[in-house]
Amino acid sequence: MLSRRRLLMFAAMSCGTFVVPAAAHQTRNSTFKVDPKFEPQSVPYFAHPPGTIVVDTGAHFLYLVESFGKARRYGIGVGKAGLSLKGEAIVERKAKWPSWRPTSNMIRRNPRKYAKYANGVPGGSGNPLGSRALYLYRNGRDTMYRIHGTTEPSSIGRSVSNGCVRMINAHVEDLFERVPLGTRVIIL
């Protein structure tokens, strides 16, 4: 006889929904526990072809379409209203422990916060791009938008960045290994 727990687990597995248990994520000063819905998990997904990344900025999810009817879903933080990229792009560059430099627009909007970084910040644990970055291009030109890690995991599930797509470092590392150069990205 099946217990209720086993029956529910079997039902979730047969639907293709696998939830990775919530984990604590290290920040510079403390440990942050992300909402379980933002942990990587396999979900039903039918909107785009396999191999596509779909960024749903309104829902704060990124989907990597794995096969017809199935995607790996990650929680994300996105840009404030008016600062997000929309439409399509291509992953044309990937970097481990990338360096970072604020854009001219970031410095213009908030010089007190960003001007001191105008010459850039080398890659490392204190870098705002975190441990990995996927660089988004259109027509061979850098959009200046990235899918990257973050030193602020509490921003996941929120619209607070300067436009890039933020992920927990461990999650972007997982995505980085799954995504080849040339991957199509759709930002809703």
C-alpha atoms as a PDB file:
ATOM      1  CA  MET A   1       0.000   0.000   0.000  1.00  0.00           C
ATOM      2  CA  LEU A   2       1.299   3.441  -0.921  1.00  0.00           C
ATOM      3  CA  SER A   3       1.573   6.116   1.709  1.00  0.00           C
ATOM      4  CA  ARG A   4       0.221   9.595   0.930  1.00  0.00           C
ATOM      5  CA  ARG A   5       3.783  10.977   0.819  1.00  0.00           C
ATOM      6  CA  ARG A   6       4.926   8.336  -1.703  1.00  0.00           C
ATOM      7  CA  LEU A   7       1.801   8.860  -3.787  1.00  0.00           C
ATOM      8  CA  LEU A   8       2.411  12.632  -3.924  1.00  0.00           C
ATOM      9  CA  MET A   9       6.084  12.113  -4.732  1.00  0.00           C
ATOM     10  CA  PHE A  10       5.205   9.683  -7.524  1.00  0.00           C
ATOM     11  CA  ALA A  11       2.613  12.132  -8.903  1.00  0.00           C
ATOM     12  CA  ALA A  12       5.148  14.987  -8.930  1.00  0.00           C
ATOM     13  CA  MET A  13       7.744  12.801 -10.642  1.00  0.00           C
ATOM     14  CA  SER A  14       5.305  11.635 -13.294  1.00  0.00           C
ATOM     15  CA  CYS A  15       4.370  15.276 -14.061  1.00  0.00           C
ATOM     16  CA  GLY A  16       8.002  16.147 -14.518  1.00  0.00           C
ATOM     17  CA  THR A  17       8.206  18.507 -11.552  1.00  0.00           C
ATOM     18  CA  PHE A  18      11.311  18.058  -9.464  1.00  0.00           C
ATOM     19  CA  VAL A  19      12.097  20.545  -6.735  1.00  0.00           C
ATOM     20  CA  VAL A  20      15.603  20.890  -5.428  1.00  0.00           C
ATOM     21  CA  PRO A  21      15.406  21.369  -1.649  1.00  0.00           C
ATOM     22  CA  ALA A  22      15.863  24.943  -0.442  1.00  0.00           C
ATOM     23  CA  ALA A  23      19.457  25.619   0.403  1.00  0.00           C
ATOM     24  CA  ALA A  24      21.265  28.305   2.307  1.00  0.00           C
ATOM     25  CA  HIS A  25      23.306  30.601   0.103  1.00  0.00           C
ATOM     26  CA  GLN A  26      26.350  32.391   1.442  1.00  0.00           C
ATOM     27  CA  THR A  27      26.588  36.150   1.183  1.00  0.00           C
ATOM     28  CA  ARG A  28      29.470  38.299   2.383  1.00  0.00           C
ATOM     29  CA  ASN A  29      27.951  38.830   5.815  1.00  0.00           C
ATOM     30  CA  SER A  30      25.389  36.119   6.412  1.00  0.00           C
ATOM     31  CA  THR A  31      23.533  33.123   5.109  1.00  0.00           C
ATOM     32  CA  PHE A  32      20.408  33.776   3.053  1.00  0.00           C
ATOM     33  CA  LYS A  33      17.683  31.200   2.488  1.00  0.00           C
ATOM     34  CA  VAL A  34      16.021  31.596  -0.905  1.00  0.00           C
ATOM     35  CA  ASP A  35      12.287  30.942  -1.304  1.00  0.00           C
ATOM     36  CA  PRO A  36      11.963  27.294  -2.469  1.00  0.00           C
ATOM     37  CA  LYS A  37      10.007  28.357  -5.581  1.00  0.00           C
ATOM     38  CA  PHE A  38      13.183  30.098  -6.824  1.00  0.00           C
ATOM     39  CA  GLU A  39      15.369  27.000  -6.495  1.00  0.00           C
ATOM     40  CA  PRO A  40      16.207  25.191  -9.773  1.00  0.00           C
ATOM     41  CA  GLN A  41      13.536  22.670 -10.705  1.00  0.00           C
ATOM     42  CA  SER A  42      12.174  20.806 -13.678  1.00  0.00           C
ATOM     43  CA  VAL A  43       8.765  22.087 -14.770  1.00  0.00           C
ATOM     44  CA  PRO A  44       6.332  21.489 -17.646  1.00  0.00           C
ATOM     45  CA  TYR A  45       6.965  24.035 -20.427  1.00  0.00           C
ATOM     46  CA  PHE A  46       5.622  24.104 -23.982  1.00  0.00           C
ATOM     47  CA  ALA A  47       6.150  27.644 -25.333  1.00  0.00           C
ATOM     48  CA  HIS A  48       9.569  27.511 -27.060  1.00  0.00           C
ATOM     49  CA  PRO A  49      11.899  24.981 -28.700  1.00  0.00           C
ATOM     50  CA  PRO A  50      14.540  23.012 -26.763  1.00  0.00           C
ATOM     51  CA  GLY A  51      17.795  24.845 -26.197  1.00  0.00           C
ATOM     52  CA  THR A  52      16.131  28.241 -25.762  1.00  0.00           C
ATOM     53  CA  ILE A  53      16.491  30.405 -22.647  1.00  0.00           C
ATOM     54  CA  VAL A  54      13.300  32.282 -21.777  1.00  0.00           C
ATOM     55  CA  VAL A  55      13.484  35.086 -19.200  1.00  0.00           C
ATOM     56  CA  ASP A  56      10.097  35.941 -17.694  1.00  0.00           C
ATOM     57  CA  THR A  57      10.908  39.261 -16.020  1.00  0.00           C
ATOM     58  CA  GLY A  58       7.416  39.720 -14.564  1.00  0.00           C
ATOM     59  CA  ALA A  59       7.378  36.340 -12.818  1.00  0.00           C
ATOM     60  CA  HIS A  60      11.127  36.431 -11.935  1.00  0.00           C
ATOM     61  CA  PHE A  61      11.907  33.106 -13.588  1.00  0.00           C
ATOM     62  CA  LEU A  62      14.414  31.979 -16.206  1.00  0.00           C
ATOM     63  CA  TYR A  63      13.593  28.817 -18.163  1.00  0.00           C
ATOM     64  CA  LEU A  64      16.101  26.667 -20.006  1.00  0.00           C
ATOM     65  CA  VAL A  65      13.933  24.620 -22.356  1.00  0.00           C
ATOM     66  CA  GLU A  66      15.368  21.092 -22.230  1.00  0.00           C
ATOM     67  CA  SER A  67      12.933  19.112 -24.377  1.00  0.00           C
ATOM     68  CA  PHE A  68       9.418  19.398 -25.713  1.00  0.00           C
ATOM     69  CA  GLY A  69       7.224  19.949 -22.682  1.00  0.00           C
ATOM     70  CA  LYS A  70      10.040  20.300 -20.133  1.00  0.00           C
ATOM     71  CA  ALA A  71      12.265  23.123 -18.875  1.00  0.00           C
ATOM     72  CA  ARG A  72      14.661  23.766 -16.012  1.00  0.00           C
ATOM     73  CA  ARG A  73      13.379  26.794 -14.092  1.00  0.00           C
ATOM     74  CA  TYR A  74      15.528  29.146 -12.004  1.00  0.00           C
ATOM     75  CA  GLY A  75      14.577  32.126  -9.858  1.00  0.00           C
ATOM     76  CA  ILE A  76      16.028  35.468 -10.924  1.00  0.00           C
ATOM     77  CA  GLY A  77      16.296  39.116  -9.981  1.00  0.00           C
ATOM     78  CA  VAL A  78      15.732  41.600 -12.792  1.00  0.00           C
ATOM     79  CA  GLY A  79      15.984  45.284 -13.662  1.00  0.00           C
ATOM     80  CA  LYS A  80      13.834  48.005 -12.206  1.00  0.00           C
ATOM     81  CA  ALA A  81      10.993  49.239 -14.398  1.00  0.00           C
ATOM     82  CA  GLY A  82      12.374  50.662 -17.627  1.00  0.00           C
ATOM     83  CA  LEU A  83      15.845  49.166 -17.185  1.00  0.00           C
ATOM     84  CA  SER A  84      15.310  45.654 -18.519  1.00  0.00           C
ATOM     85  CA  LEU A  85      16.187  44.316 -21.942  1.00  0.00           C
ATOM     86  CA  LYS A  86      13.209  42.996 -23.929  1.00  0.00           C
ATOM     87  CA  GLY A  87      13.051  40.878 -27.057  1.00  0.00           C
ATOM     88  CA  GLU A  88      15.681  38.441 -28.339  1.00  0.00           C
ATOM     89  CA  ALA A  89      19.431  38.068 -27.906  1.00  0.00           C
ATOM     90  CA  ILE A  90      22.138  35.443 -28.322  1.00  0.00           C
ATOM     91  CA  VAL A  91      24.706  34.202 -25.796  1.00  0.00           C
ATOM     92  CA  GLU A  92      27.917  35.092 -27.642  1.00  0.00           C
ATOM     93  CA  ARG A  93      30.330  35.098 -24.707  1.00  0.00           C
ATOM     94  CA  LYS A  94      30.639  33.287 -21.377  1.00  0.00           C
ATOM     95  CA  ALA A  95      33.029  34.021 -18.518  1.00  0.00           C
ATOM     96  CA  LYS A  96      33.992  32.445 -15.206  1.00  0.00           C
ATOM     97  CA  TRP A  97      34.636  35.000 -12.434  1.00  0.00           C
ATOM     98  CA  PRO A  98      34.112  37.892 -14.866  1.00  0.00           C
ATOM     99  CA  SER A  99      35.388  41.401 -14.316  1.00  0.00           C
ATOM    100  CA  TRP A 100      32.812  44.196 -14.151  1.00  0.00           C
ATOM    101  CA  ARG A 101      32.581  47.833 -15.051  1.00  0.00           C
ATOM    102  CA  PRO A 102      29.440  49.939 -14.621  1.00  0.00           C
ATOM    103  CA  THR A 103      27.963  51.265 -17.851  1.00  0.00           C
ATOM    104  CA  SER A 104      28.069  54.979 -18.625  1.00  0.00           C
ATOM    105  CA  ASN A 105      24.307  55.121 -17.988  1.00  0.00           C
ATOM    106  CA  MET A 106      24.739  53.570 -14.531  1.00  0.00           C
ATOM    107  CA  ILE A 107      27.391  56.141 -13.654  1.00  0.00           C
ATOM    108  CA  ARG A 108      25.217  58.970 -15.009  1.00  0.00           C
ATOM    109  CA  ARG A 109      22.148  57.772 -13.032  1.00  0.00           C
ATOM    110  CA  ASN A 110      24.029  57.319  -9.761  1.00  0.00           C
ATOM    111  CA  PRO A 111      27.546  58.792  -9.837  1.00  0.00           C
ATOM    112  CA  ARG A 112      27.994  58.596  -6.068  1.00  0.00           C
ATOM    113  CA  LYS A 113      27.500  54.827  -6.141  1.00  0.00           C
ATOM    114  CA  TYR A 114      29.187  53.887  -9.442  1.00  0.00           C
ATOM    115  CA  ALA A 115      31.820  56.488 -10.440  1.00  0.00           C
ATOM    116  CA  LYS A 116      34.417  54.938  -8.119  1.00  0.00           C
ATOM    117  CA  TYR A 117      34.160  51.710 -10.182  1.00  0.00           C
ATOM    118  CA  ALA A 118      34.569  53.416 -13.586  1.00  0.00           C
ATOM    119  CA  ASN A 119      37.895  51.619 -14.154  1.00  0.00           C
ATOM    120  CA  GLY A 120      36.317  48.256 -13.390  1.00  0.00           C
ATOM    121  CA  VAL A 121      36.357  45.589 -10.698  1.00  0.00           C
ATOM    122  CA  PRO A 122      38.370  42.395 -11.196  1.00  0.00           C
ATOM    123  CA  GLY A 123      36.616  39.041 -11.020  1.00  0.00           C
ATOM    124  CA  GLY A 124      36.265  37.487  -7.587  1.00  0.00           C
ATOM    125  CA  SER A 125      33.839  36.872  -4.740  1.00  0.00           C
ATOM    126  CA  GLY A 126      33.104  40.591  -4.231  1.00  0.00           C
ATOM    127  CA  ASN A 127      32.403  41.307  -7.897  1.00  0.00           C
ATOM    128  CA  PRO A 128      28.757  42.259  -8.668  1.00  0.00           C
ATOM    129  CA  LEU A 129      28.624  39.783 -11.593  1.00  0.00           C
ATOM    130  CA  GLY A 130      29.291  36.886  -9.248  1.00  0.00           C
ATOM    131  CA  SER A 131      30.883  33.627 -10.325  1.00  0.00           C
ATOM    132  CA  ARG A 132      29.640  33.366 -13.936  1.00  0.00           C
ATOM    133  CA  ALA A 133      28.274  35.578 -16.693  1.00  0.00           C
ATOM    134  CA  LEU A 134      26.525  34.950 -19.998  1.00  0.00           C
ATOM    135  CA  TYR A 135      26.904  37.976 -22.294  1.00  0.00           C
ATOM    136  CA  LEU A 136      23.889  38.840 -24.450  1.00  0.00           C
ATOM    137  CA  TYR A 137      24.384  40.146 -27.998  1.00  0.00           C
ATOM    138  CA  ARG A 138      22.101  41.377 -30.799  1.00  0.00           C
ATOM    139  CA  ASN A 139      23.269  41.442 -34.392  1.00  0.00           C
ATOM    140  CA  GLY A 140      26.840  40.819 -33.242  1.00  0.00           C
ATOM    141  CA  ARG A 141      26.824  43.797 -30.838  1.00  0.00           C
ATOM    142  CA  ASP A 142      27.061  43.583 -27.058  1.00  0.00           C
ATOM    143  CA  THR A 143      23.770  44.692 -25.451  1.00  0.00           C
ATOM    144  CA  MET A 144      25.591  45.378 -22.157  1.00  0.00           C
ATOM    145  CA  TYR A 145      23.058  43.043 -20.509  1.00  0.00           C
ATOM    146  CA  ARG A 146      24.145  39.846 -18.787  1.00  0.00           C
ATOM    147  CA  ILE A 147      22.746  36.776 -17.109  1.00  0.00           C
ATOM    148  CA  HIS A 148      25.060  36.565 -14.119  1.00  0.00           C
ATOM    149  CA  GLY A 149      25.590  35.595 -10.508  1.00  0.00           C
ATOM    150  CA  THR A 150      25.131  38.012  -7.650  1.00  0.00           C
ATOM    151  CA  THR A 151      26.614  39.020  -4.321  1.00  0.00           C
ATOM    152  CA  GLU A 152      23.043  39.907  -3.246  1.00  0.00           C
ATOM    153  CA  PRO A 153      20.994  36.684  -3.243  1.00  0.00           C
ATOM    154  CA  SER A 154      18.138  38.479  -1.464  1.00  0.00           C
ATOM    155  CA  SER A 155      17.484  40.278  -4.800  1.00  0.00           C
ATOM    156  CA  ILE A 156      16.182  37.020  -6.322  1.00  0.00           C
ATOM    157  CA  GLY A 157      12.447  37.361  -6.940  1.00  0.00           C
ATOM    158  CA  ARG A 158      12.658  41.160  -7.077  1.00  0.00           C
ATOM    159  CA  SER A 159      13.033  43.948  -9.660  1.00  0.00           C
ATOM    160  CA  VAL A 160      15.972  45.878  -8.281  1.00  0.00           C
ATOM    161  CA  SER A 161      18.962  45.678 -10.637  1.00  0.00           C
ATOM    162  CA  ASN A 162      20.214  48.018 -13.358  1.00  0.00           C
ATOM    163  CA  GLY A 163      18.782  45.706 -15.989  1.00  0.00           C
ATOM    164  CA  CYS A 164      20.773  42.484 -15.966  1.00  0.00           C
ATOM    165  CA  VAL A 165      19.354  39.108 -14.970  1.00  0.00           C
ATOM    166  CA  ARG A 166      20.736  38.049 -11.579  1.00  0.00           C
ATOM    167  CA  MET A 167      20.923  34.499 -10.280  1.00  0.00           C
ATOM    168  CA  ILE A 168      22.235  32.767  -7.168  1.00  0.00           C
ATOM    169  CA  ASN A 169      25.901  31.929  -7.925  1.00  0.00           C
ATOM    170  CA  ALA A 170      25.367  28.161  -7.640  1.00  0.00           C
ATOM    171  CA  HIS A 171      22.383  28.430 -10.011  1.00  0.00           C
ATOM    172  CA  VAL A 172      24.196  30.470 -12.676  1.00  0.00           C
ATOM    173  CA  GLU A 173      27.094  27.995 -12.467  1.00  0.00           C
ATOM    174  CA  ASP A 174      24.618  25.198 -13.243  1.00  0.00           C
ATOM    175  CA  LEU A 175      23.117  27.163 -16.147  1.00  0.00           C
ATOM    176  CA  PHE A 176      26.598  28.115 -17.437  1.00  0.00           C
ATOM    177  CA  GLU A 177      27.524  24.432 -17.842  1.00  0.00           C
ATOM    178  CA  ARG A 178      24.264  23.612 -19.667  1.00  0.00           C
ATOM    179  CA  VAL A 179      24.284  26.489 -22.176  1.00  0.00           C
ATOM    180  CA  PRO A 180      26.523  26.610 -25.269  1.00  0.00           C
ATOM    181  CA  LEU A 181      27.558  29.748 -27.115  1.00  0.00           C
ATOM    182  CA  GLY A 182      24.929  30.668 -29.683  1.00  0.00           C
ATOM    183  CA  THR A 183      22.002  29.938 -27.370  1.00  0.00           C
ATOM    184  CA  ARG A 184      18.891  31.970 -28.219  1.00  0.00           C
ATOM    185  CA  VAL A 185      17.541  34.072 -25.341  1.00  0.00           C
ATOM    186  CA  ILE A 186      13.996  35.472 -25.267  1.00  0.00           C
ATOM    187  CA  ILE A 187      13.316  38.194 -22.697  1.00  0.00           C
ATOM    188  CA  LEU A 188       9.608  38.750 -21.983  1.00  0.00           C
END
